[in-house]
Amino acid sequence: MGKGLLAEIAIKYDLSIRQVELIRKTSRSYVMKITAHQGCFILKRMQMEEHRLQFMVNTEEYLRSRGINIPTVYQTYENKHYVKYKGYFYVLQEWICAVPYPVINLDHIVRLADLLGRMHAISKEFQDAHGQIRMGGAKWEQEYEEALHFLGKWRETNACVEEPWRKAVFAYIDFYMRTGEFVKEQMKQQGRCLAWREPDIQVVLSHHDFHTQNVLLDEAGKIYIIDWEFVRFDLPSRDMNRLLYAMIKKSRAWNHHAFLKVMRVYLRRNTLSKREMKLLFLDLAFPHNLCRNLICGKFTRMTVNQINELLQKDTEKMQYMIDSYLNQ
């Protein structure tokens, strides 16, 4: 990291910087820990437009003020929540001494479901002038189309490939494609309800990257949610899907009784209408997990047995969601 940037940060935040440690450097993020005489901080480079960044900051500030533990974003001496340096925005955040939230048993998932329900319920009152730029559900059909196109191309290019992990995934691809097409068509029949003007459809603030690496647990048992770069207005299913995926990975088989327990806890915090439940079941049946794992290269780090076990559980979950949708 350049001395020019650190000098700018030191001036803007009135810091006496002693040490800098690179935490993460990818094509999508640049994160470092700064140790100064004033304490420890996280500096993040935000690769987004300014209005998008302001929406994220406003979101965090609102939820934090209502009891959701989110690292504090510090202001500069000019009362700004970020610094612009050589075309990039940088945010200085509170350093949280914590570890990724451990998922060992169902009780850990249930605790996160309670937190997620509380966060979603609180967020229904949030209003922001920048919110329309990230109105997620209005893009669901487009996202479905793009995901299915990606899966179709993957199926086409891997039809004759002998690499073991690709063969393992290929054995399931037709089911994923059929189910994805069914979800897409059913969503169209919902009458484009994702404009969300109906009284029985309420959007929430969806973190949109709600996996256990973005949930931290400190020594006092407090849970923090970090990395809000993808936050948007949406229905609850996208966050719920990531929570269920964590549950699936740790379980031996898809367990609908466990799912019902998770949903009961969530719904005690955030009640959903019958229409919202139908949309939740429908979106949970879409092959989001398969697409993400293929794009991120997750399967290349798994054995064939691990892939088969994971995809079997995921497909059973998807079929359960379709059945639940049809029975609503």
Protein backbone atom coordinates (compact mmCIF):
# COMPACT_ATOMS: atom_id res chain seq x y z
CA MET A 1 0.00 0.00 0.00
CA GLY A 2 1.43 3.38 -1.02
CA LYS A 3 2.83 5.84 1.46
CA GLY A 4 0.74 8.54 -0.17
CA LEU A 5 -2.52 6.83 0.78
CA LEU A 6 -1.40 6.18 4.35
CA ALA A 7 -0.33 9.81 4.70
CA GLU A 8 -3.77 10.87 3.43
CA ILE A 9 -5.52 8.54 5.90
CA ALA A 10 -3.35 9.79 8.76
CA ILE A 11 -4.29 13.39 7.98
CA LYS A 12 -7.99 12.84 7.29
CA TYR A 13 -8.55 10.77 10.44
CA ASP A 14 -5.89 12.40 12.64
CA LEU A 15 -4.06 9.09 13.18
CA SER A 16 -0.49 8.36 14.22
CA ILE A 17 0.04 5.17 12.21
CA ARG A 18 2.57 2.69 13.61
CA GLN A 19 1.96 -0.50 11.63
CA VAL A 20 0.07 -1.74 8.58
CA GLU A 21 -0.90 -5.35 7.84
CA LEU A 22 -2.48 -6.56 4.60
CA ILE A 23 -5.53 -8.72 5.42
CA ARG A 24 -6.98 -9.44 1.98
CA LYS A 25 -6.13 -8.53 -1.59
CA THR A 26 -8.36 -9.84 -4.37
CA SER A 27 -9.79 -8.46 -7.59
CA ARG A 28 -12.85 -7.45 -5.56
CA SER A 29 -11.43 -6.21 -2.26
CA TYR A 30 -8.42 -4.64 -0.63
CA VAL A 31 -8.42 -4.75 3.17
CA MET A 32 -5.74 -3.86 5.69
CA LYS A 33 -5.36 -3.55 9.43
CA ILE A 34 -3.95 -0.26 10.67
CA THR A 35 -2.40 -0.04 14.11
CA ALA A 36 -2.09 3.53 15.38
CA HIS A 37 -1.50 5.18 18.73
CA GLN A 38 -5.28 5.75 18.82
CA GLY A 39 -6.08 2.05 18.42
CA CYS A 40 -6.62 -0.57 15.71
CA PHE A 41 -8.67 -0.03 12.57
CA ILE A 42 -9.68 -1.70 9.31
CA LEU A 43 -9.15 0.23 6.07
CA LYS A 44 -11.15 -1.04 3.10
CA ARG A 45 -11.04 0.03 -0.53
CA MET A 46 -14.61 0.21 -1.84
CA GLN A 47 -14.96 -0.50 -5.55
CA MET A 48 -18.33 1.13 -6.11
CA GLU A 49 -19.91 4.41 -7.13
CA GLU A 50 -20.29 7.10 -4.49
CA HIS A 51 -24.09 6.94 -4.24
CA ARG A 52 -23.85 3.19 -3.77
CA LEU A 53 -21.28 3.67 -1.01
CA GLN A 54 -23.47 6.26 0.69
CA PHE A 55 -26.40 3.83 0.63
CA MET A 56 -24.23 1.18 2.29
CA VAL A 57 -23.03 3.59 4.98
CA ASN A 58 -26.59 4.77 5.66
CA THR A 59 -27.76 1.17 5.92
CA GLU A 60 -25.08 0.26 8.44
CA GLU A 61 -25.71 3.40 10.47
CA TYR A 62 -29.45 2.74 10.64
CA LEU A 63 -29.14 -0.90 11.70
CA ARG A 64 -26.36 -0.14 14.17
CA SER A 65 -28.51 2.51 15.84
CA ARG A 66 -31.22 -0.12 16.37
CA GLY A 67 -29.08 -2.71 18.05
CA ILE A 68 -27.52 -4.73 15.22
CA ASN A 69 -23.79 -5.10 15.91
CA ILE A 70 -21.89 -3.69 12.94
CA PRO A 71 -18.36 -2.25 13.11
CA THR A 72 -18.38 1.52 13.39
CA VAL A 73 -17.47 3.53 10.30
CA TYR A 74 -15.35 6.50 11.37
CA GLN A 75 -15.72 10.00 9.99
CA THR A 76 -12.92 12.21 8.75
CA TYR A 77 -12.25 15.61 10.26
CA GLU A 78 -14.46 16.90 7.43
CA ASN A 79 -17.35 14.72 8.75
CA LYS A 80 -17.23 12.36 5.76
CA HIS A 81 -17.59 8.60 6.03
CA TYR A 82 -14.96 7.87 3.39
CA VAL A 83 -11.88 9.22 1.66
CA LYS A 84 -11.30 9.36 -2.07
CA TYR A 85 -7.74 8.74 -3.19
CA LYS A 86 -6.59 8.25 -6.79
CA GLY A 87 -10.07 7.33 -7.99
CA TYR A 88 -10.92 4.88 -5.18
CA PHE A 89 -13.02 5.29 -2.06
CA TYR A 90 -11.63 4.12 1.27
CA VAL A 91 -13.56 3.50 4.49
CA LEU A 92 -12.01 3.35 7.96
CA GLN A 93 -13.81 0.94 10.28
CA GLU A 94 -13.61 -0.28 13.83
CA TRP A 95 -11.35 -3.32 14.31
CA ILE A 96 -13.34 -6.14 15.91
CA CYS A 97 -11.33 -8.75 17.81
CA ALA A 98 -13.44 -11.76 16.88
CA VAL A 99 -13.51 -15.00 14.89
CA PRO A 100 -15.81 -16.24 12.11
CA TYR A 101 -19.06 -17.51 13.60
CA PRO A 102 -18.73 -21.26 14.25
CA VAL A 103 -21.47 -23.51 12.89
CA ILE A 104 -21.19 -26.77 14.82
CA ASN A 105 -24.80 -27.71 15.39
CA LEU A 106 -28.36 -26.62 14.66
CA ASP A 107 -28.48 -24.29 17.67
CA HIS A 108 -25.84 -22.12 16.04
CA ILE A 109 -27.96 -21.82 12.89
CA VAL A 110 -31.04 -21.07 14.99
CA ARG A 111 -29.23 -18.21 16.71
CA LEU A 112 -28.35 -16.72 13.34
CA ALA A 113 -31.95 -17.15 12.18
CA ASP A 114 -33.10 -15.13 15.18
CA LEU A 115 -30.57 -12.40 14.37
CA LEU A 116 -31.55 -12.40 10.69
CA GLY A 117 -35.25 -12.16 11.51
CA ARG A 118 -34.64 -9.27 13.90
CA MET A 119 -32.48 -7.45 11.36
CA HIS A 120 -35.03 -7.89 8.57
CA ALA A 121 -37.92 -6.75 10.77
CA ILE A 122 -36.05 -3.64 11.90
CA SER A 123 -35.06 -2.76 8.34
CA LYS A 124 -38.64 -2.52 7.07
CA GLU A 125 -38.80 1.03 8.42
CA PHE A 126 -35.60 2.10 6.68
CA GLN A 127 -35.90 4.67 3.91
CA ASP A 128 -33.09 6.11 1.88
CA ALA A 129 -32.88 8.32 -1.19
CA HIS A 130 -30.25 6.00 -2.66
CA GLY A 131 -32.28 2.84 -2.06
CA GLN A 132 -33.80 2.45 -5.51
CA ILE A 133 -30.36 1.89 -7.01
CA ARG A 134 -30.29 -1.50 -5.28
CA MET A 135 -33.88 -2.69 -5.44
CA GLY A 136 -32.99 -6.34 -5.78
CA GLY A 137 -36.23 -8.15 -6.48
CA ALA A 138 -37.00 -6.03 -9.50
CA LYS A 139 -34.02 -7.81 -11.09
CA TRP A 140 -34.89 -11.37 -10.12
CA GLU A 141 -36.10 -12.40 -13.57
CA GLN A 142 -32.98 -10.96 -15.16
CA GLU A 143 -30.79 -12.73 -12.59
CA TYR A 144 -32.59 -16.01 -13.24
CA GLU A 145 -32.08 -15.62 -16.99
CA GLU A 146 -28.38 -14.88 -16.58
CA ALA A 147 -27.85 -17.78 -14.16
CA LEU A 148 -29.64 -20.27 -16.41
CA HIS A 149 -27.69 -19.04 -19.43
CA PHE A 150 -24.47 -19.60 -17.45
CA LEU A 151 -25.53 -23.12 -16.45
CA GLY A 152 -26.53 -23.90 -20.03
CA LYS A 153 -23.13 -22.84 -21.33
CA TRP A 154 -21.42 -24.82 -18.58
CA ARG A 155 -23.42 -27.93 -19.50
CA GLU A 156 -22.55 -27.48 -23.17
CA THR A 157 -18.81 -27.08 -22.60
CA ASN A 158 -18.53 -29.89 -20.05
CA ALA A 159 -20.59 -32.58 -21.78
CA CYS A 160 -17.52 -34.61 -22.81
CA VAL A 161 -15.05 -33.60 -20.11
CA GLU A 162 -13.52 -36.44 -18.07
CA GLU A 163 -12.26 -34.40 -15.12
CA PRO A 164 -13.82 -36.11 -12.03
CA TRP A 165 -15.26 -33.06 -10.34
CA ARG A 166 -16.85 -31.84 -13.57
CA LYS A 167 -18.40 -35.27 -14.21
CA ALA A 168 -19.81 -35.25 -10.67
CA VAL A 169 -21.48 -31.87 -11.18
CA PHE A 170 -22.64 -32.76 -14.68
CA ALA A 171 -24.66 -35.68 -13.30
CA TYR A 172 -26.91 -33.14 -11.51
CA ILE A 173 -26.99 -30.32 -14.05
CA ASP A 174 -30.23 -31.35 -15.80
CA PHE A 175 -32.15 -31.31 -12.52
CA TYR A 176 -30.78 -27.88 -11.68
CA MET A 177 -31.67 -26.54 -15.12
CA ARG A 178 -35.22 -27.95 -15.05
CA THR A 179 -35.86 -26.63 -11.57
CA GLY A 180 -34.40 -23.23 -12.43
CA GLU A 181 -36.63 -22.95 -15.50
CA PHE A 182 -39.67 -23.91 -13.41
CA VAL A 183 -38.85 -21.22 -10.85
CA LYS A 184 -38.36 -18.62 -13.57
CA GLU A 185 -41.72 -19.41 -15.20
CA GLN A 186 -43.55 -19.46 -11.88
CA MET A 187 -42.07 -16.10 -11.00
CA LYS A 188 -43.43 -14.66 -14.23
CA GLN A 189 -46.88 -16.03 -13.34
CA GLN A 190 -46.73 -14.15 -10.05
CA GLY A 191 -47.69 -11.11 -12.09
CA ARG A 192 -44.38 -9.33 -11.74
CA CYS A 193 -45.15 -8.89 -8.07
CA LEU A 194 -41.54 -8.04 -7.45
CA ALA A 195 -42.31 -4.42 -8.19
CA TRP A 196 -43.48 -4.75 -4.56
CA ARG A 197 -46.32 -2.31 -4.57
CA GLU A 198 -48.76 -4.83 -3.13
CA PRO A 199 -49.69 -4.39 0.53
CA ASP A 200 -48.72 -8.00 1.35
CA ILE A 201 -45.18 -7.63 -0.04
CA GLN A 202 -42.62 -5.82 2.14
CA VAL A 203 -38.96 -5.50 1.31
CA VAL A 204 -36.16 -5.77 3.83
CA LEU A 205 -32.53 -4.81 3.82
CA SER A 206 -30.82 -7.92 2.53
CA HIS A 207 -27.14 -8.26 3.40
CA HIS A 208 -26.80 -10.40 0.27
CA ASP A 209 -23.56 -12.04 1.38
CA PHE A 210 -24.72 -13.56 4.65
CA HIS A 211 -22.24 -16.40 5.08
CA THR A 212 -20.41 -17.35 8.25
CA GLN A 213 -17.17 -15.58 7.27
CA ASN A 214 -19.15 -12.33 7.35
CA VAL A 215 -20.56 -13.05 10.79
CA LEU A 216 -18.09 -12.63 13.66
CA LEU A 217 -18.25 -13.81 17.27
CA ASP A 218 -16.21 -12.02 19.94
CA GLU A 219 -15.06 -13.33 23.31
CA ALA A 220 -18.08 -11.82 25.05
CA GLY A 221 -20.45 -13.75 22.78
CA LYS A 222 -21.54 -10.73 20.73
CA ILE A 223 -22.29 -11.35 17.05
CA TYR A 224 -21.18 -8.79 14.47
CA ILE A 225 -22.17 -8.64 10.80
CA ILE A 226 -19.49 -7.31 8.47
CA ASP A 227 -18.92 -6.66 4.74
CA TRP A 228 -22.10 -4.89 3.63
CA GLU A 229 -20.92 -4.09 0.10
CA PHE A 230 -23.79 -6.00 -1.53
CA VAL A 231 -26.63 -4.80 0.70
CA ARG A 232 -29.88 -4.02 -1.13
CA PHE A 233 -33.63 -3.91 -0.70
CA ASP A 234 -34.96 -7.39 -1.36
CA LEU A 235 -37.13 -10.17 0.00
CA PRO A 236 -35.65 -12.31 2.81
CA SER A 237 -34.90 -15.40 0.71
CA ARG A 238 -31.42 -14.40 -0.44
CA ASP A 239 -30.09 -14.09 3.12
CA MET A 240 -32.05 -17.15 4.20
CA ASN A 241 -30.53 -19.17 1.36
CA ARG A 242 -27.00 -18.46 2.60
CA LEU A 243 -28.02 -19.45 6.11
CA LEU A 244 -29.54 -22.72 4.90
CA TYR A 245 -26.44 -23.43 2.84
CA ALA A 246 -24.34 -23.22 6.01
CA MET A 247 -26.76 -25.66 7.62
CA ILE A 248 -26.61 -28.05 4.67
CA LYS A 249 -22.81 -28.13 4.62
CA LYS A 250 -22.70 -29.21 8.27
CA SER A 251 -25.50 -31.78 8.11
CA ARG A 252 -25.41 -35.37 6.89
CA ALA A 253 -28.63 -34.99 4.90
CA TRP A 254 -31.29 -32.43 4.08
CA ASN A 255 -33.47 -32.19 7.19
CA HIS A 256 -36.80 -30.44 6.68
CA HIS A 257 -37.51 -30.62 10.43
CA ALA A 258 -34.39 -28.54 11.04
CA PHE A 259 -35.51 -26.10 8.34
CA LEU A 260 -38.93 -25.73 9.97
CA LYS A 261 -37.27 -25.00 13.32
CA VAL A 262 -35.08 -22.34 11.72
CA MET A 263 -38.10 -20.77 10.02
CA ARG A 264 -40.17 -20.76 13.23
CA VAL A 265 -37.44 -18.81 15.00
CA TYR A 266 -37.06 -16.42 12.06
CA LEU A 267 -40.81 -15.83 11.75
CA ARG A 268 -41.13 -15.00 15.44
CA ARG A 269 -38.97 -11.98 14.66
CA ASN A 270 -40.16 -11.18 11.15
CA THR A 271 -43.64 -12.30 10.17
CA LEU A 272 -44.16 -13.00 6.47
CA SER A 273 -47.45 -12.91 4.58
CA LYS A 274 -48.65 -15.95 2.64
CA ARG A 275 -47.53 -14.24 -0.58
CA GLU A 276 -44.08 -13.57 0.84
CA MET A 277 -43.80 -17.20 1.97
CA LYS A 278 -44.62 -18.41 -1.54
CA LEU A 279 -41.93 -16.18 -2.99
CA LEU A 280 -39.45 -17.33 -0.36
CA PHE A 281 -40.05 -21.00 -1.16
CA LEU A 282 -39.82 -20.28 -4.87
CA ASP A 283 -36.54 -18.39 -4.71
CA LEU A 284 -35.03 -20.97 -2.32
CA ALA A 285 -35.68 -23.56 -5.04
CA PHE A 286 -33.51 -21.73 -7.59
CA PRO A 287 -29.94 -23.09 -8.14
CA HIS A 288 -28.19 -20.11 -6.57
CA ASN A 289 -25.73 -22.30 -4.69
CA LEU A 290 -24.64 -24.29 -7.73
CA CYS A 291 -24.00 -21.12 -9.75
CA ARG A 292 -22.00 -19.52 -6.95
CA ASN A 293 -19.89 -22.64 -6.37
CA LEU A 294 -19.10 -22.97 -10.07
CA ILE A 295 -18.24 -19.29 -10.49
CA CYS A 296 -16.06 -19.23 -7.36
CA GLY A 297 -14.34 -22.52 -8.18
CA LYS A 298 -15.48 -24.19 -4.95
CA PHE A 299 -15.82 -27.65 -6.51
CA THR A 300 -12.18 -27.77 -7.56
CA ARG A 301 -11.24 -27.93 -3.88
CA MET A 302 -13.63 -30.80 -3.09
CA THR A 303 -13.47 -34.56 -3.56
CA VAL A 304 -16.02 -36.30 -5.77
CA ASN A 305 -17.69 -37.79 -2.69
CA GLN A 306 -17.96 -34.36 -1.09
CA ILE A 307 -19.48 -32.94 -4.27
CA ASN A 308 -22.03 -35.74 -4.50
CA GLU A 309 -23.01 -35.38 -0.85
CA LEU A 310 -23.39 -31.62 -1.13
CA LEU A 311 -25.37 -31.67 -4.37
CA GLN A 312 -27.64 -34.45 -3.12
CA LYS A 313 -28.52 -32.38 -0.06
CA ASP A 314 -28.95 -29.23 -2.15
CA THR A 315 -31.25 -30.91 -4.68
CA GLU A 316 -33.35 -32.40 -1.87
CA LYS A 317 -33.66 -28.92 -0.40
CA MET A 318 -34.73 -27.51 -3.76
CA GLN A 319 -37.37 -30.21 -4.26
CA TYR A 320 -38.70 -29.58 -0.76
CA MET A 321 -39.01 -25.87 -1.54
CA ILE A 322 -40.90 -26.60 -4.77
CA ASP A 323 -43.31 -28.88 -2.91
CA SER A 324 -43.80 -26.24 -0.20
CA TYR A 325 -44.46 -23.58 -2.83
CA LEU A 326 -47.07 -25.71 -4.57
CA ASN A 327 -48.77 -26.57 -1.27
CA GLN A 328 -49.02 -22.97 -0.05
